[in-house]
Amino acid sequence: MILRHFQPEVPLLGLALPCSVEETCRYVQQPETLHRTEAQAAALARLQSLQALYAAWPDAEHIARKEDCTVNGNVLDYTVTYTVAADICG
């Protein structure tokens, strides 16, 4: 929920009169269970990890990847280690 409140001054007959404006936004979230095959879940995890990597370091040069996927019940555990070359100081 977002709540914004501000008090601008509205000119009326040359006088600055205070007024009040309030905005309320509500967002509803509904939990949902997604069913994916092991291959689909691994591909999605791979994509999201690469997106996070390139969001942090857009100029990263991908050199190597080591990944491990295991399924525990209905949960896919995805572990990946990337070796990259990137300017992390700038």
Protein backbone atom coordinates (compact mmCIF):
# COMPACT_ATOMS: atom_id res chain seq x y z
CA MET A 1 0.00 0.00 0.00
CA ILE A 2 1.32 3.41 -0.93
CA LEU A 3 0.14 6.46 0.96
CA ARG A 4 1.16 9.91 -0.18
CA HIS A 5 0.19 13.07 1.61
CA PHE A 6 1.22 16.60 0.75
CA GLN A 7 -0.08 20.07 1.39
CA PRO A 8 0.40 22.47 -1.52
CA GLU A 9 -0.60 26.09 -1.28
CA VAL A 10 -3.30 27.17 -3.74
CA PRO A 11 -3.38 30.84 -4.75
CA LEU A 12 -6.81 32.45 -4.41
CA LEU A 13 -7.32 36.19 -4.82
CA GLY A 14 -3.59 36.72 -4.43
CA LEU A 15 -3.44 34.76 -1.16
CA ALA A 16 -1.72 31.41 -0.78
CA LEU A 17 -4.33 29.19 0.87
CA PRO A 18 -3.28 25.74 2.17
CA CYS A 19 -5.07 22.67 0.92
CA SER A 20 -4.54 18.98 1.53
CA VAL A 21 -4.23 16.16 -1.04
CA GLU A 22 -4.02 12.49 -0.11
CA GLU A 23 -3.44 9.54 -2.44
CA THR A 24 -3.83 5.93 -1.45
CA CYS A 25 -2.91 2.98 -3.68
CA ARG A 26 -3.59 -0.60 -2.66
CA TYR A 27 -2.08 -3.61 -4.35
CA VAL A 28 -3.49 -7.06 -3.76
CA GLN A 29 -1.26 -10.10 -4.00
CA GLN A 30 -2.63 -13.56 -4.35
CA PRO A 31 -0.33 -16.53 -3.73
CA GLU A 32 -0.20 -19.02 -6.54
CA THR A 33 1.55 -22.35 -6.91
CA LEU A 34 3.35 -22.73 -10.22
CA HIS A 35 4.00 -26.18 -11.59
CA ARG A 36 7.08 -26.59 -13.78
CA THR A 37 9.01 -29.56 -15.04
CA GLU A 38 12.53 -29.96 -13.70
CA ALA A 39 13.95 -28.76 -17.03
CA GLN A 40 11.67 -25.68 -17.05
CA ALA A 41 12.54 -24.79 -13.45
CA ALA A 42 16.28 -25.16 -14.14
CA ALA A 43 16.02 -23.00 -17.28
CA LEU A 44 14.11 -20.31 -15.38
CA ALA A 45 16.63 -20.36 -12.51
CA ARG A 46 19.49 -20.10 -15.03
CA LEU A 47 17.83 -17.15 -16.77
CA GLN A 48 17.14 -15.29 -13.50
CA SER A 49 20.70 -15.80 -12.25
CA LEU A 50 22.12 -14.44 -15.52
CA GLN A 51 19.74 -11.46 -15.39
CA ALA A 52 20.90 -10.67 -11.84
CA LEU A 53 24.55 -11.01 -12.87
CA TYR A 54 24.20 -8.67 -15.85
CA ALA A 55 22.06 -6.21 -13.87
CA ALA A 56 24.91 -5.89 -11.36
CA TRP A 57 27.71 -5.87 -13.96
CA PRO A 58 26.36 -5.09 -17.45
CA ASP A 59 29.81 -5.31 -19.04
CA ALA A 60 30.61 -8.73 -17.53
CA GLU A 61 32.27 -11.21 -19.86
CA HIS A 62 31.07 -14.71 -19.09
CA ILE A 63 34.05 -17.07 -18.88
CA ALA A 64 32.77 -20.23 -17.12
CA ARG A 65 29.75 -21.63 -15.30
CA LYS A 66 29.46 -24.45 -12.77
CA GLU A 67 25.93 -25.41 -11.85
CA ASP A 68 24.20 -27.97 -9.70
CA CYS A 69 20.48 -28.83 -9.74
CA THR A 70 18.84 -31.08 -7.17
CA VAL A 71 15.18 -31.76 -6.53
CA ASN A 72 13.97 -32.04 -2.93
CA GLY A 73 10.30 -32.95 -2.97
CA ASN A 74 8.59 -30.19 -4.98
CA VAL A 75 11.52 -27.78 -4.70
CA LEU A 76 14.35 -27.42 -7.19
CA ASP A 77 17.60 -26.25 -5.59
CA TYR A 78 19.77 -24.48 -8.16
CA THR A 79 23.32 -23.49 -7.32
CA VAL A 80 25.51 -21.76 -9.86
CA THR A 81 29.00 -20.33 -9.78
CA TYR A 82 29.95 -17.95 -12.57
CA THR A 83 33.47 -16.97 -13.47
CA VAL A 84 33.35 -13.55 -15.15
CA ALA A 85 35.61 -10.72 -16.13
CA ALA A 86 34.11 -7.32 -15.33
CA ASP A 87 34.96 -3.85 -14.11
CA ILE A 88 33.48 -4.04 -10.59
CA CYS A 89 35.11 -0.79 -9.43
CA GLY A 90 33.46 1.58 -11.84
